[in-house]
PDB file of N, CA and C in Angstrom:
ATOM      1  N   UNK A   1      21.849   9.381   9.433  1.00  0.00           N
ATOM      2  CA  UNK A   1      20.558   8.748   9.249  1.00  0.00           C
ATOM      3  C   UNK A   1      20.045   9.048   7.847  1.00  0.00           C
ATOM      4  N   UNK A   2      19.597   8.024   7.150  1.00  0.00           N
ATOM      5  CA  UNK A   2      19.084   8.183   5.787  1.00  0.00           C
ATOM      6  C   UNK A   2      17.592   8.477   5.833  1.00  0.00           C
ATOM      7  N   UNK A   3      17.201   9.686   5.423  1.00  0.00           N
ATOM      8  CA  UNK A   3      15.785  10.054   5.419  1.00  0.00           C
ATOM      9  C   UNK A   3      15.226  10.146   4.007  1.00  0.00           C
ATOM     10  N   UNK A   4      16.020   9.774   3.019  1.00  0.00           N
ATOM     11  CA  UNK A   4      15.549   9.811   1.629  1.00  0.00           C
ATOM     12  C   UNK A   4      14.476   8.745   1.428  1.00  0.00           C
ATOM     13  N   UNK A   5      13.420   9.089   0.683  1.00  0.00           N
ATOM     14  CA  UNK A   5      12.371   8.100   0.436  1.00  0.00           C
ATOM     15  C   UNK A   5      12.910   6.909  -0.346  1.00  0.00           C
ATOM     16  N   UNK A   6      12.407   5.746  -0.033  1.00  0.00           N
ATOM     17  CA  UNK A   6      12.816   4.522  -0.697  1.00  0.00           C
ATOM     18  C   UNK A   6      11.716   4.123  -1.675  1.00  0.00           C
ATOM     19  N   UNK A   7      11.982   4.266  -2.962  1.00  0.00           N
ATOM     20  CA  UNK A   7      10.979   3.963  -3.989  1.00  0.00           C
ATOM     21  C   UNK A   7      10.555   2.507  -3.949  1.00  0.00           C
ATOM     22  N   UNK A   8      11.435   1.642  -3.465  1.00  0.00           N
ATOM     23  CA  UNK A   8      11.111   0.214  -3.401  1.00  0.00           C
ATOM     24  C   UNK A   8       9.879  -0.035  -2.520  1.00  0.00           C
ATOM     25  N   UNK A   9       9.718   0.761  -1.492  1.00  0.00           N
ATOM     26  CA  UNK A   9       8.561   0.632  -0.602  1.00  0.00           C
ATOM     27  C   UNK A   9       7.274   0.863  -1.387  1.00  0.00           C
ATOM     28  N   UNK A  10       7.264   1.874  -2.249  1.00  0.00           N
ATOM     29  CA  UNK A  10       6.071   2.160  -3.052  1.00  0.00           C
ATOM     30  C   UNK A  10       5.845   1.090  -4.109  1.00  0.00           C
ATOM     31  N   UNK A  11       6.919   0.578  -4.681  1.00  0.00           N
ATOM     32  CA  UNK A  11       6.798  -0.500  -5.671  1.00  0.00           C
ATOM     33  C   UNK A  11       6.142  -1.716  -5.022  1.00  0.00           C
ATOM     34  N   UNK A  12       6.506  -2.001  -3.796  1.00  0.00           N
ATOM     35  CA  UNK A  12       5.901  -3.143  -3.102  1.00  0.00           C
ATOM     36  C   UNK A  12       4.397  -2.972  -2.918  1.00  0.00           C
ATOM     37  N   UNK A  13       3.939  -1.752  -2.733  1.00  0.00           N
ATOM     38  CA  UNK A  13       2.502  -1.517  -2.555  1.00  0.00           C
ATOM     39  C   UNK A  13       1.701  -1.869  -3.802  1.00  0.00           C
ATOM     40  N   UNK A  14       2.343  -1.812  -4.963  1.00  0.00           N
ATOM     41  CA  UNK A  14       1.627  -2.133  -6.209  1.00  0.00           C
ATOM     42  C   UNK A  14       1.940  -3.533  -6.728  1.00  0.00           C
ATOM     43  N   UNK A  15       2.833  -4.253  -6.055  1.00  0.00           N
ATOM     44  CA  UNK A  15       3.188  -5.592  -6.538  1.00  0.00           C
ATOM     45  C   UNK A  15       2.862  -6.715  -5.553  1.00  0.00           C
ATOM     46  N   UNK A  16       2.932  -6.439  -4.265  1.00  0.00           N
ATOM     47  CA  UNK A  16       2.677  -7.485  -3.274  1.00  0.00           C
ATOM     48  C   UNK A  16       1.183  -7.667  -3.047  1.00  0.00           C
ATOM     49  N   UNK A  17       0.794  -8.872  -2.658  1.00  0.00           N
ATOM     50  CA  UNK A  17      -0.621  -9.153  -2.420  1.00  0.00           C
ATOM     51  C   UNK A  17      -0.894  -9.342  -0.929  1.00  0.00           C
ATOM     52  N   UNK A  18      -2.133  -9.112  -0.570  1.00  0.00           N
ATOM     53  CA  UNK A  18      -2.578  -9.293   0.814  1.00  0.00           C
ATOM     54  C   UNK A  18      -2.536 -10.784   1.136  1.00  0.00           C
ATOM     55  N   UNK A  19      -1.813 -11.180   2.187  1.00  0.00           N
ATOM     56  CA  UNK A  19      -1.614 -12.607   2.451  1.00  0.00           C
ATOM     57  C   UNK A  19      -2.731 -13.292   3.240  1.00  0.00           C
ATOM     58  N   UNK A  20      -3.678 -12.529   3.769  1.00  0.00           N
ATOM     59  CA  UNK A  20      -4.713 -13.146   4.601  1.00  0.00           C
ATOM     60  C   UNK A  20      -5.985 -12.303   4.582  1.00  0.00           C
ATOM     61  N   UNK A  21      -7.023 -12.865   5.171  1.00  0.00           N
ATOM     62  CA  UNK A  21      -8.252 -12.115   5.401  1.00  0.00           C
ATOM     63  C   UNK A  21      -9.191 -12.053   4.221  1.00  0.00           C
ATOM     64  N   UNK A  22     -10.166 -11.221   4.381  1.00  0.00           N
ATOM     65  CA  UNK A  22     -11.251 -11.039   3.423  1.00  0.00           C
ATOM     66  C   UNK A  22     -10.752 -10.643   2.037  1.00  0.00           C
ATOM     67  N   UNK A  23      -9.660  -9.922   1.980  1.00  0.00           N
ATOM     68  CA  UNK A  23      -9.130  -9.435   0.703  1.00  0.00           C
ATOM     69  C   UNK A  23      -7.839 -10.155   0.295  1.00  0.00           C
ATOM     70  N   UNK A  24      -7.684 -11.388   0.778  1.00  0.00           N
ATOM     71  CA  UNK A  24      -6.500 -12.186   0.445  1.00  0.00           C
ATOM     72  C   UNK A  24      -6.351 -12.284  -1.073  1.00  0.00           C
ATOM     73  N   UNK A  25      -5.123 -12.043  -1.558  1.00  0.00           N
ATOM     74  CA  UNK A  25      -4.837 -12.145  -2.984  1.00  0.00           C
ATOM     75  C   UNK A  25      -4.912 -10.830  -3.736  1.00  0.00           C
ATOM     76  N   UNK A  26      -5.551  -9.815  -3.159  1.00  0.00           N
ATOM     77  CA  UNK A  26      -5.578  -8.504  -3.816  1.00  0.00           C
ATOM     78  C   UNK A  26      -4.222  -7.831  -3.663  1.00  0.00           C
ATOM     79  N   UNK A  27      -3.819  -7.095  -4.686  1.00  0.00           N
ATOM     80  CA  UNK A  27      -2.620  -6.273  -4.565  1.00  0.00           C
ATOM     81  C   UNK A  27      -2.876  -5.258  -3.451  1.00  0.00           C
ATOM     82  N   UNK A  28      -1.875  -4.970  -2.653  1.00  0.00           N
ATOM     83  CA  UNK A  28      -2.061  -4.061  -1.523  1.00  0.00           C
ATOM     84  C   UNK A  28      -2.716  -2.751  -1.951  1.00  0.00           C
ATOM     85  N   UNK A  29      -2.301  -2.197  -3.077  1.00  0.00           N
ATOM     86  CA  UNK A  29      -2.861  -0.916  -3.515  1.00  0.00           C
ATOM     87  C   UNK A  29      -4.338  -1.021  -3.896  1.00  0.00           C
ATOM     88  N   UNK A  30      -4.841  -2.240  -4.087  1.00  0.00           N
ATOM     89  CA  UNK A  30      -6.245  -2.440  -4.430  1.00  0.00           C
ATOM     90  C   UNK A  30      -7.145  -2.569  -3.204  1.00  0.00           C
ATOM     91  N   UNK A  31      -6.558  -2.610  -2.028  1.00  0.00           N
ATOM     92  CA  UNK A  31      -7.364  -2.748  -0.817  1.00  0.00           C
ATOM     93  C   UNK A  31      -8.270  -1.531  -0.647  1.00  0.00           C
ATOM     94  N   UNK A  32      -9.533  -1.757  -0.300  1.00  0.00           N
ATOM     95  CA  UNK A  32     -10.441  -0.623  -0.120  1.00  0.00           C
ATOM     96  C   UNK A  32     -10.071   0.200   1.114  1.00  0.00           C
ATOM     97  N   UNK A  33     -10.354   1.486   1.044  1.00  0.00           N
ATOM     98  CA  UNK A  33     -10.062   2.389   2.154  1.00  0.00           C
ATOM     99  C   UNK A  33     -10.763   1.912   3.426  1.00  0.00           C
ATOM    100  N   UNK A  34     -11.978   1.400   3.295  1.00  0.00           N
ATOM    101  CA  UNK A  34     -12.720   0.948   4.477  1.00  0.00           C
ATOM    102  C   UNK A  34     -11.956  -0.143   5.233  1.00  0.00           C
ATOM    103  N   UNK A  35     -11.274  -1.012   4.517  1.00  0.00           N
ATOM    104  CA  UNK A  35     -10.470  -2.071   5.143  1.00  0.00           C
ATOM    105  C   UNK A  35      -9.273  -1.459   5.879  1.00  0.00           C
ATOM    106  N   UNK A  36      -8.642  -0.482   5.256  1.00  0.00           N
ATOM    107  CA  UNK A  36      -7.507   0.195   5.888  1.00  0.00           C
ATOM    108  C   UNK A  36      -7.967   1.012   7.096  1.00  0.00           C
ATOM    109  N   UNK A  37      -9.160   1.601   7.008  1.00  0.00           N
ATOM    110  CA  UNK A  37      -9.718   2.334   8.150  1.00  0.00           C
ATOM    111  C   UNK A  37      -9.980   1.384   9.317  1.00  0.00           C
ATOM    112  N   UNK A  38     -10.439   0.177   8.993  1.00  0.00           N
ATOM    113  CA  UNK A  38     -10.673  -0.823  10.033  1.00  0.00           C
ATOM    114  C   UNK A  38      -9.365  -1.151  10.746  1.00  0.00           C
ATOM    115  N   UNK A  39      -8.304  -1.379   9.975  1.00  0.00           N
ATOM    116  CA  UNK A  39      -6.993  -1.640  10.581  1.00  0.00           C
ATOM    117  C   UNK A  39      -6.545  -0.449  11.424  1.00  0.00           C
ATOM    118  N   UNK A  40      -6.802   0.757  10.945  1.00  0.00           N
ATOM    119  CA  UNK A  40      -6.403   1.950  11.685  1.00  0.00           C
ATOM    120  C   UNK A  40      -7.098   1.993  13.048  1.00  0.00           C
ATOM    121  N   UNK A  41      -8.356   1.575  13.090  1.00  0.00           N
ATOM    122  CA  UNK A  41      -9.102   1.556  14.350  1.00  0.00           C
ATOM    123  C   UNK A  41      -8.683   0.393  15.256  1.00  0.00           C
ATOM    124  N   UNK A  42      -8.513  -0.783  14.680  1.00  0.00           N
ATOM    125  CA  UNK A  42      -8.267  -2.002  15.459  1.00  0.00           C
ATOM    126  C   UNK A  42      -6.787  -2.292  15.695  1.00  0.00           C
ATOM    127  N   UNK A  43      -5.942  -1.704  14.867  1.00  0.00           N
ATOM    128  CA  UNK A  43      -4.502  -1.944  14.975  1.00  0.00           C
ATOM    129  C   UNK A  43      -3.967  -2.660  13.747  1.00  0.00           C
ATOM    130  N   UNK A  44      -2.936  -2.096  13.173  1.00  0.00           N
ATOM    131  CA  UNK A  44      -2.290  -2.707  12.014  1.00  0.00           C
ATOM    132  C   UNK A  44      -1.478  -3.914  12.481  1.00  0.00           C
ATOM    133  N   UNK A  45      -1.283  -4.894  11.592  1.00  0.00           N
ATOM    134  CA  UNK A  45      -0.435  -6.027  11.965  1.00  0.00           C
ATOM    135  C   UNK A  45       0.985  -5.549  12.279  1.00  0.00           C
ATOM    136  N   UNK A  46       1.701  -6.348  13.032  1.00  0.00           N
ATOM    137  CA  UNK A  46       3.089  -5.999  13.332  1.00  0.00           C
ATOM    138  C   UNK A  46       3.964  -6.352  12.136  1.00  0.00           C
ATOM    139  N   UNK A  47       5.135  -5.793  12.117  1.00  0.00           N
ATOM    140  CA  UNK A  47       6.105  -6.119  11.078  1.00  0.00           C
ATOM    141  C   UNK A  47       5.947  -5.295   9.813  1.00  0.00           C
ATOM    142  N   UNK A  48       6.578  -5.804   8.779  1.00  0.00           N
ATOM    143  CA  UNK A  48       6.653  -5.088   7.506  1.00  0.00           C
ATOM    144  C   UNK A  48       5.274  -4.860   6.892  1.00  0.00           C
ATOM    145  N   UNK A  49       4.403  -5.876   6.939  1.00  0.00           N
ATOM    146  CA  UNK A  49       3.069  -5.719   6.361  1.00  0.00           C
ATOM    147  C   UNK A  49       2.306  -4.593   7.047  1.00  0.00           C
ATOM    148  N   UNK A  50       2.399  -4.522   8.355  1.00  0.00           N
ATOM    149  CA  UNK A  50       1.727  -3.450   9.083  1.00  0.00           C
ATOM    150  C   UNK A  50       2.221  -2.076   8.660  1.00  0.00           C
ATOM    151  N   UNK A  51       3.519  -1.955   8.486  1.00  0.00           N
ATOM    152  CA  UNK A  51       4.109  -0.690   8.031  1.00  0.00           C
ATOM    153  C   UNK A  51       3.618  -0.344   6.629  1.00  0.00           C
ATOM    154  N   UNK A  52       3.562  -1.343   5.757  1.00  0.00           N
ATOM    155  CA  UNK A  52       3.084  -1.118   4.388  1.00  0.00           C
ATOM    156  C   UNK A  52       1.618  -0.684   4.389  1.00  0.00           C
ATOM    157  N   UNK A  53       0.798  -1.332   5.202  1.00  0.00           N
ATOM    158  CA  UNK A  53      -0.620  -0.978   5.258  1.00  0.00           C
ATOM    159  C   UNK A  53      -0.822   0.414   5.844  1.00  0.00           C
ATOM    160  N   UNK A  54      -0.017   0.786   6.828  1.00  0.00           N
ATOM    161  CA  UNK A  54      -0.094   2.140   7.384  1.00  0.00           C
ATOM    162  C   UNK A  54       0.258   3.182   6.332  1.00  0.00           C
ATOM    163  N   UNK A  55       1.306   2.923   5.580  1.00  0.00           N
ATOM    164  CA  UNK A  55       1.705   3.838   4.513  1.00  0.00           C
ATOM    165  C   UNK A  55       0.602   3.940   3.466  1.00  0.00           C
ATOM    166  N   UNK A  56       0.052   2.814   3.074  1.00  0.00           N
ATOM    167  CA  UNK A  56      -1.022   2.803   2.086  1.00  0.00           C
ATOM    168  C   UNK A  56      -2.232   3.578   2.595  1.00  0.00           C
ATOM    169  N   UNK A  57      -2.557   3.415   3.863  1.00  0.00           N
ATOM    170  CA  UNK A  57      -3.664   4.160   4.473  1.00  0.00           C
ATOM    171  C   UNK A  57      -3.418   5.664   4.360  1.00  0.00           C
ATOM    172  N   UNK A  58      -2.220   6.108   4.685  1.00  0.00           N
ATOM    173  CA  UNK A  58      -1.889   7.538   4.602  1.00  0.00           C
ATOM    174  C   UNK A  58      -1.948   8.042   3.159  1.00  0.00           C
ATOM    175  N   UNK A  59      -1.469   7.233   2.229  1.00  0.00           N
ATOM    176  CA  UNK A  59      -1.502   7.618   0.813  1.00  0.00           C
ATOM    177  C   UNK A  59      -2.943   7.810   0.357  1.00  0.00           C
ATOM    178  N   UNK A  60      -3.799   6.846   0.675  1.00  0.00           N
ATOM    179  CA  UNK A  60      -5.200   6.926   0.246  1.00  0.00           C
ATOM    180  C   UNK A  60      -5.935   8.034   0.983  1.00  0.00           C
ATOM    181  N   UNK A  61      -5.678   8.182   2.269  1.00  0.00           N
ATOM    182  CA  UNK A  61      -6.323   9.211   3.079  1.00  0.00           C
ATOM    183  C   UNK A  61      -6.021  10.608   2.541  1.00  0.00           C
ATOM    184  N   UNK A  62      -4.825  10.798   2.025  1.00  0.00           N
ATOM    185  CA  UNK A  62      -4.403  12.110   1.539  1.00  0.00           C
ATOM    186  C   UNK A  62      -4.560  12.285   0.034  1.00  0.00           C
ATOM    187  N   UNK A  63      -5.278  11.367  -0.609  1.00  0.00           N
ATOM    188  CA  UNK A  63      -5.573  11.510  -2.034  1.00  0.00           C
ATOM    189  C   UNK A  63      -4.364  11.386  -2.942  1.00  0.00           C
ATOM    190  N   UNK A  64      -3.405  10.565  -2.573  1.00  0.00           N
ATOM    191  CA  UNK A  64      -2.174  10.438  -3.355  1.00  0.00           C
ATOM    192  C   UNK A  64      -2.101   9.139  -4.152  1.00  0.00           C
ATOM    193  N   UNK A  65      -3.243   8.500  -4.373  1.00  0.00           N
ATOM    194  CA  UNK A  65      -3.265   7.225  -5.098  1.00  0.00           C
ATOM    195  C   UNK A  65      -2.707   7.348  -6.509  1.00  0.00           C
ATOM    196  N   UNK A  66      -2.782   8.546  -7.084  1.00  0.00           N
ATOM    197  CA  UNK A  66      -2.254   8.731  -8.441  1.00  0.00           C
ATOM    198  C   UNK A  66      -0.763   8.383  -8.517  1.00  0.00           C
ATOM    199  N   UNK A  67      -0.052   8.539  -7.406  1.00  0.00           N
ATOM    200  CA  UNK A  67       1.368   8.163  -7.386  1.00  0.00           C
ATOM    201  C   UNK A  67       1.534   6.660  -7.583  1.00  0.00           C
ATOM    202  N   UNK A  68       0.663   5.890  -6.950  1.00  0.00           N
ATOM    203  CA  UNK A  68       0.729   4.434  -7.083  1.00  0.00           C
ATOM    204  C   UNK A  68       0.328   3.991  -8.480  1.00  0.00           C
ATOM    205  N   UNK A  69      -0.649   4.673  -9.056  1.00  0.00           N
ATOM    206  CA  UNK A  69      -1.083   4.349 -10.425  1.00  0.00           C
ATOM    207  C   UNK A  69       0.074   4.571 -11.388  1.00  0.00           C
ATOM    208  N   UNK A  70       0.781   5.662 -11.208  1.00  0.00           N
ATOM    209  CA  UNK A  70       1.932   5.976 -12.069  1.00  0.00           C
ATOM    210  C   UNK A  70       3.028   4.916 -11.936  1.00  0.00           C
ATOM    211  N   UNK A  71       3.298   4.507 -10.717  1.00  0.00           N
ATOM    212  CA  UNK A  71       4.318   3.478 -10.486  1.00  0.00           C
ATOM    213  C   UNK A  71       3.894   2.171 -11.133  1.00  0.00           C
ATOM    214  N   UNK A  72       2.629   1.814 -10.968  1.00  0.00           N
ATOM    215  CA  UNK A  72       2.123   0.572 -11.554  1.00  0.00           C
ATOM    216  C   UNK A  72       2.242   0.609 -13.080  1.00  0.00           C
ATOM    217  N   UNK A  73       1.927   1.752 -13.683  1.00  0.00           N
ATOM    218  CA  UNK A  73       2.062   1.908 -15.140  1.00  0.00           C
ATOM    219  C   UNK A  73       3.517   1.801 -15.565  1.00  0.00           C
ATOM    220  N   UNK A  74       4.407   2.419 -14.807  1.00  0.00           N
ATOM    221  CA  UNK A  74       5.839   2.364 -15.139  1.00  0.00           C
ATOM    222  C   UNK A  74       6.365   0.933 -15.074  1.00  0.00           C
ATOM    223  N   UNK A  75       5.922   0.195 -14.091  1.00  0.00           N
ATOM    224  CA  UNK A  75       6.366  -1.195 -13.938  1.00  0.00           C
ATOM    225  C   UNK A  75       5.878  -2.057 -15.090  1.00  0.00           C
ATOM    226  N   UNK A  76       4.624  -1.839 -15.487  1.00  0.00           N
ATOM    227  CA  UNK A  76       4.054  -2.671 -16.555  1.00  0.00           C
ATOM    228  C   UNK A  76       4.424  -2.161 -17.947  1.00  0.00           C
ATOM    229  N   UNK A  77       5.076  -0.998 -18.017  1.00  0.00           N
ATOM    230  CA  UNK A  77       5.503  -0.461 -19.307  1.00  0.00           C
ATOM    231  C   UNK A  77       4.429   0.307 -20.044  1.00  0.00           C
ATOM    232  N   UNK A  78       3.355   0.661 -19.356  1.00  0.00           N
ATOM    233  CA  UNK A  78       2.258   1.428 -19.973  1.00  0.00           C
ATOM    234  C   UNK A  78       2.326   2.868 -19.511  1.00  0.00           C
ATOM    235  N   UNK A  79       3.113   3.685 -20.160  1.00  0.00           N
ATOM    236  CA  UNK A  79       3.207   5.080 -19.745  1.00  0.00           C
ATOM    237  C   UNK A  79       2.368   5.973 -20.599  1.00  0.00           C
TER     238      UNK A  79
END
């Protein structure tokens, strides 16, 4: 079983956009914590998006957003 972290998952959090709802079009990492808290209470969507939103919720909840900022800077070439 492969338990190594997949960096591609984190890259997706800074590149993919929210496909529906009040925050449609925002990059996933730009979603406000309150929106992620709402999903946590009501239930995350099924599938890959739900998994991504759950991960993002945990990252923000634990104060690890700086990791996403670093990835976003690396992708855009602004280090």
